[in-house]
Structure formats: C-alpha cells, structure tokens
Amino acid sequence: MPTIGIVVVSHSAKIAEGVVDLARQMAPTTTLVAAGGTDDGSVGTSFDKISAALAEASRGGGAVVLCDLGSAILTSETAVDFLDDADKQRVVIADAPLVEGTVAAAVSAETGGDLEAVAAAARTATGVADAHADERDLRGGDAVERSAVLVNASGLHARPAADLVTHASRFQADVTVNGVDAKSLLRIMGLNVGVGSTVAVMATGPDAAAAVDDLITLIEGGFGEKAR
C-alpha cells in the first residue's frame, strides 16, 4: 500500500523541525518533512519550502499537512492550489493542533493508514470534535481478555504508547486497552497509566487471541525499555 507522508508547516523552522523530530520517534519509517520559516530563515512561511515539502512527502499515496498559525494555512492552501488536479486530490490540510495532530497522523501513517485515515487521526487531536468519535464498540463474539502489570519506569508515555498502537493496528480484531481503542494513540496516551498499574487488554473478532497475546507480551516486556 502506498504510504502517506506528513508535512509540518510552522512560522518557525525550529518548531517545525522539533515537531518532526518528536513524531519520528514514534513513526521512524514515515516520511516527515519540516517546512518552517521563510526562505532566509526568518519567522514566517515560505511558498517554495511548502511546495518542496509537498513534493517530497506525497511521493507515496499522498500527504497530510499540519500548520501552526493562520497564515501558514493560507500559504499551504496556495501551494496546494498550484498543484495539478490529480496531485491536489492527494493532499489534505488537516484542521488539528500542530504537535498532537502531527503525532497522531504520523502513527496512523506508520501503521499503514490511507490518506483519509491519516487525516482523520490528526483531527482527533482537535479537542473540539466528538471526544468519542474514534472509539469503537467491540464486535460480537467471544471476547479474549488478559491483563498485565506495566513495568516501565516512566509509565505508558509517548513512545511505548505509539508502540502499542502500532502493534494493535496490525490485527483485524477490535482491541481495547483499559476500555479505550487500542488503535488510537491519543486515547492510549490519555490513559495516563503509571508504573505498577494493571493494563487490561480485550479483543474480539478475527485474530483476537493473537492480538491480545502480542500486546501482553509487549507490555510485560516493558516495550523494550528498562524496567523499574
């Protein structure tokens, strides 16, 4: 499946690069391109930088653009308008907070999400839309459930949370962790689970048992981090 790239547009080059660095910790193989500042490095936005970033990020299945302030959106919209009609259909400017939206979109792209799914993941970070919009009910059938104790000294912070979502997204089963969608990064990070807490994994549908086993192994192994 063609991959979706992410473009981060900010008035500050340092902010754009920092957000890309953060998202890359959780989505190492996704194309993440920073387009911050003006052509001479001042504060502002650059049509040429954004156009170049779009060209690089959309080489796969398209690109999702995240922006910080209003004029960043305007410059991005202008850059998209200059694309040919076919390429315009492969770019979405997401209405979402820059940091949270970029991280959510990057993890969705890393797990194979298409253009619509990646843009939707970014929008879950708005805090305006229905807070439960991306939740899902477990499908019918016998549920598989197991629990494990979190051993990570820093709790279920961003990197292990992204690791958990990446693993959960590999399965067809509907999976929840402590009652929230295991395939939603923001829901998992919002659990604020600390070291020593019990984590309950439940799944229904195809490969439910395999999904639960995989996540329990991941949790018990401390996500590859040093245990407390």
Foldseek 3Di string as FASTA:
>chain_A
DFFAAEEEEELAQVVQVVLQVVLCLLQVVHHYYYFYHDPVRHGDGYLVSLLVSQVVRQPTQAYEYEYADDVSVVSNVVSLVPDPPVRNVRYHHAPAHRRQLSNQLSLCRSLPHHPVSSSVSSNCRHVPPDVCVPWDDFDDDDKDKDKDFAFAQAFCAQRNLSVQLSLLSVDPKFKDKPRGGSNRSVVSNVVPGHGGDMIMMMTDDPPNVVSNVVNRVCRVCNVPDDGD
